[in-house]
Structures are given as structure tokens and as C-alpha cells.
Amino acid sequence: METLRLHDVVALTQPLPEHNLRRGDVDTVLDIGPNNQYLLEFADRNGIHYATPTVNAEGLMRVYLNADMVG
């Protein structure tokens, strides 16, 4: 897996029921810790924060956005 950077958009590859998150939920890398640990910030469409789990790199997949879709 390629290294993730701050503010990368990622998707969960496994559920995190303790945070009420499902496999495939998408959001942003907020911070990077030791041993391939990534602090994520999940927020809704209104920007309201609802979860901040720490996830190992194996539990994440980078999401590539098509620039034509951003508007």
C-alpha cells in the first residue's frame, strides 16, 4: 500500500462497529501516528463531526476523486 498523507480521502476496508462506521465509509486523514496508525475524522454533509477513530493502514484504502466531478 502506498503511504497516506494528511488530508487524503480514504475509505474503510472493514467496519468499526464501536464507532458506528461501516466498511466503505469515506472521510479524511486528520493525523498520522507511529506504526502506520491514522487518525481519521468523519463528518456529515453539513460538516458536523461524528467519529474520530484511529485505524491501521491495512484497514484503509485511498479514494481518488475525479476532478471533473468536483464543482
N, C-alpha and C. Protein backbone atom coordinates (compact mmCIF):
# COMPACT_ATOMS: atom_id res chain seq x y z
N MET A 1 0.84 -1.18 0.00
CA MET A 1 0.00 0.00 0.00
C MET A 1 0.89 1.25 0.00
N GLU A 2 0.50 2.24 -0.79
CA GLU A 2 1.25 3.49 -0.78
C GLU A 2 0.97 4.25 0.50
N THR A 3 1.91 5.10 0.87
CA THR A 3 1.80 5.87 2.11
C THR A 3 0.70 6.92 1.98
N LEU A 4 -0.11 7.00 3.01
CA LEU A 4 -1.15 8.03 3.06
C LEU A 4 -0.56 9.31 3.64
N ARG A 5 -1.15 10.43 3.24
CA ARG A 5 -0.70 11.74 3.73
C ARG A 5 -1.86 12.45 4.42
N LEU A 6 -1.53 13.52 5.16
CA LEU A 6 -2.57 14.33 5.80
C LEU A 6 -3.58 14.81 4.76
N HIS A 7 -4.82 14.77 5.12
CA HIS A 7 -5.95 15.25 4.32
C HIS A 7 -6.29 14.36 3.13
N ASP A 8 -5.63 13.19 3.00
CA ASP A 8 -6.05 12.25 1.96
C ASP A 8 -7.46 11.76 2.26
N VAL A 9 -8.21 11.51 1.22
CA VAL A 9 -9.54 10.93 1.36
C VAL A 9 -9.37 9.42 1.35
N VAL A 10 -9.96 8.75 2.35
CA VAL A 10 -9.81 7.30 2.49
C VAL A 10 -11.17 6.65 2.74
N ALA A 11 -11.23 5.35 2.46
CA ALA A 11 -12.41 4.55 2.77
C ALA A 11 -12.00 3.42 3.70
N LEU A 12 -12.88 3.04 4.58
CA LEU A 12 -12.63 1.92 5.48
C LEU A 12 -12.77 0.61 4.71
N THR A 13 -11.85 -0.32 4.93
CA THR A 13 -11.94 -1.63 4.29
C THR A 13 -12.58 -2.67 5.22
N GLN A 14 -12.88 -2.25 6.43
CA GLN A 14 -13.57 -3.12 7.39
C GLN A 14 -14.42 -2.25 8.31
N PRO A 15 -15.50 -2.79 8.84
CA PRO A 15 -16.36 -1.98 9.71
C PRO A 15 -15.69 -1.68 11.05
N LEU A 16 -16.12 -0.59 11.66
CA LEU A 16 -15.70 -0.23 13.02
C LEU A 16 -16.97 -0.03 13.84
N PRO A 17 -17.58 -1.13 14.29
CA PRO A 17 -18.87 -1.03 14.98
C PRO A 17 -18.81 -0.19 16.26
N GLU A 18 -17.65 -0.13 16.90
CA GLU A 18 -17.53 0.67 18.13
C GLU A 18 -17.66 2.16 17.85
N HIS A 19 -17.51 2.56 16.57
CA HIS A 19 -17.68 3.95 16.16
C HIS A 19 -18.90 4.13 15.26
N ASN A 20 -19.68 3.04 15.12
CA ASN A 20 -20.86 3.06 14.25
C ASN A 20 -20.49 3.38 12.80
N LEU A 21 -19.35 2.84 12.35
CA LEU A 21 -18.88 3.05 10.98
C LEU A 21 -18.93 1.74 10.21
N ARG A 22 -19.27 1.85 8.94
CA ARG A 22 -19.37 0.66 8.09
C ARG A 22 -18.21 0.59 7.11
N ARG A 23 -17.94 -0.61 6.62
CA ARG A 23 -16.96 -0.78 5.55
C ARG A 23 -17.39 0.09 4.37
N GLY A 24 -16.47 0.86 3.82
CA GLY A 24 -16.78 1.74 2.70
C GLY A 24 -17.05 3.17 3.10
N ASP A 25 -17.25 3.45 4.39
CA ASP A 25 -17.43 4.84 4.81
C ASP A 25 -16.17 5.64 4.44
N VAL A 26 -16.38 6.86 3.99
CA VAL A 26 -15.30 7.68 3.44
C VAL A 26 -15.14 8.97 4.24
N ASP A 27 -13.88 9.32 4.51
CA ASP A 27 -13.57 10.64 5.04
C ASP A 27 -12.09 10.90 4.98
N THR A 28 -11.52 11.67 5.91
CA THR A 28 -10.22 12.31 5.75
C THR A 28 -9.21 11.89 6.82
N VAL A 29 -7.93 11.80 6.40
CA VAL A 29 -6.83 11.57 7.34
C VAL A 29 -6.56 12.88 8.08
N LEU A 30 -6.72 12.85 9.39
CA LEU A 30 -6.56 14.05 10.23
C LEU A 30 -5.15 14.14 10.81
N ASP A 31 -4.56 12.98 11.13
CA ASP A 31 -3.22 12.96 11.71
C ASP A 31 -2.60 11.59 11.45
N ILE A 32 -1.28 11.54 11.50
CA ILE A 32 -0.55 10.29 11.27
C ILE A 32 0.29 10.00 12.50
N GLY A 33 0.11 8.79 13.02
CA GLY A 33 0.86 8.38 14.21
C GLY A 33 1.89 7.33 13.87
N PRO A 34 2.53 6.79 14.89
CA PRO A 34 3.54 5.75 14.66
C PRO A 34 2.91 4.44 14.22
N ASN A 35 3.72 3.59 13.63
CA ASN A 35 3.32 2.22 13.27
C ASN A 35 2.13 2.17 12.32
N ASN A 36 2.11 3.06 11.32
CA ASN A 36 1.05 3.06 10.30
C ASN A 36 -0.34 3.25 10.89
N GLN A 37 -0.46 4.06 11.92
CA GLN A 37 -1.74 4.38 12.52
C GLN A 37 -2.21 5.74 12.00
N TYR A 38 -3.46 5.82 11.59
CA TYR A 38 -4.02 7.05 11.02
C TYR A 38 -5.25 7.48 11.81
N LEU A 39 -5.25 8.73 12.25
CA LEU A 39 -6.40 9.31 12.91
C LEU A 39 -7.31 9.88 11.82
N LEU A 40 -8.54 9.44 11.80
CA LEU A 40 -9.49 9.87 10.78
C LEU A 40 -10.54 10.76 11.39
N GLU A 41 -11.09 11.65 10.58
CA GLU A 41 -12.21 12.48 11.02
C GLU A 41 -13.38 12.25 10.09
N PHE A 42 -14.46 11.76 10.65
CA PHE A 42 -15.69 11.55 9.88
C PHE A 42 -16.67 12.66 10.21
N ALA A 43 -17.21 13.29 9.18
CA ALA A 43 -18.18 14.37 9.34
C ALA A 43 -19.29 14.17 8.32
N ASP A 44 -20.47 14.68 8.63
CA ASP A 44 -21.59 14.54 7.70
C ASP A 44 -21.53 15.65 6.65
N ARG A 45 -22.51 15.69 5.77
CA ARG A 45 -22.52 16.67 4.67
C ARG A 45 -22.60 18.11 5.17
N ASN A 46 -23.04 18.30 6.41
CA ASN A 46 -23.11 19.64 6.99
C ASN A 46 -21.84 20.00 7.77
N GLY A 47 -20.85 19.10 7.73
CA GLY A 47 -19.59 19.36 8.42
C GLY A 47 -19.61 19.04 9.89
N ILE A 48 -20.66 18.36 10.34
CA ILE A 48 -20.77 18.02 11.76
C ILE A 48 -20.03 16.70 12.02
N HIS A 49 -19.04 16.79 12.90
CA HIS A 49 -18.18 15.67 13.25
C HIS A 49 -18.99 14.59 13.97
N TYR A 50 -18.74 13.31 13.61
CA TYR A 50 -19.42 12.24 14.33
C TYR A 50 -18.53 11.07 14.73
N ALA A 51 -17.26 11.02 14.27
CA ALA A 51 -16.36 9.95 14.71
C ALA A 51 -14.92 10.33 14.41
N THR A 52 -14.01 9.90 15.31
CA THR A 52 -12.58 10.14 15.12
C THR A 52 -11.81 8.88 15.54
N PRO A 53 -11.90 7.83 14.74
CA PRO A 53 -11.17 6.61 15.09
C PRO A 53 -9.72 6.65 14.64
N THR A 54 -8.89 5.83 15.27
CA THR A 54 -7.53 5.58 14.82
C THR A 54 -7.54 4.22 14.15
N VAL A 55 -7.03 4.17 12.91
CA VAL A 55 -7.12 2.95 12.10
C VAL A 55 -5.74 2.63 11.54
N ASN A 56 -5.40 1.34 11.54
CA ASN A 56 -4.17 0.87 10.94
C ASN A 56 -4.26 0.98 9.42
N ALA A 57 -3.13 1.16 8.75
CA ALA A 57 -3.09 1.33 7.29
C ALA A 57 -3.79 0.19 6.56
N GLU A 58 -3.74 -1.04 7.08
CA GLU A 58 -4.38 -2.17 6.42
C GLU A 58 -5.90 -2.04 6.40
N GLY A 59 -6.46 -1.20 7.25
CA GLY A 59 -7.90 -1.00 7.31
C GLY A 59 -8.40 0.13 6.44
N LEU A 60 -7.49 0.68 5.60
CA LEU A 60 -7.84 1.86 4.80
C LEU A 60 -7.50 1.68 3.33
N MET A 61 -8.21 2.42 2.51
CA MET A 61 -7.95 2.45 1.07
C MET A 61 -8.08 3.89 0.62
N ARG A 62 -7.06 4.41 -0.10
CA ARG A 62 -7.14 5.78 -0.60
C ARG A 62 -8.24 5.87 -1.65
N VAL A 63 -8.96 6.98 -1.62
CA VAL A 63 -10.03 7.25 -2.59
C VAL A 63 -9.53 8.32 -3.54
N TYR A 64 -9.65 8.06 -4.83
CA TYR A 64 -9.23 9.02 -5.85
C TYR A 64 -10.48 9.68 -6.40
N LEU A 65 -10.52 11.00 -6.35
CA LEU A 65 -11.66 11.74 -6.85
C LEU A 65 -11.36 12.24 -8.26
N ASN A 66 -12.34 12.14 -9.13
CA ASN A 66 -12.21 12.64 -10.50
C ASN A 66 -12.44 14.14 -10.45
N ALA A 67 -11.48 14.93 -10.91
CA ALA A 67 -11.58 16.39 -10.85
C ALA A 67 -12.79 16.91 -11.59
N ASP A 68 -13.25 16.20 -12.61
CA ASP A 68 -14.44 16.62 -13.36
C ASP A 68 -15.71 16.57 -12.52
N MET A 69 -15.68 15.78 -11.44
CA MET A 69 -16.86 15.62 -10.60
C MET A 69 -16.92 16.66 -9.51
N VAL A 70 -15.83 17.37 -9.28
CA VAL A 70 -15.78 18.39 -8.22
C VAL A 70 -16.29 19.69 -8.82
N GLY A 71 -17.25 20.31 -8.13
CA GLY A 71 -17.75 21.55 -8.71
C GLY A 71 -18.42 22.45 -7.78
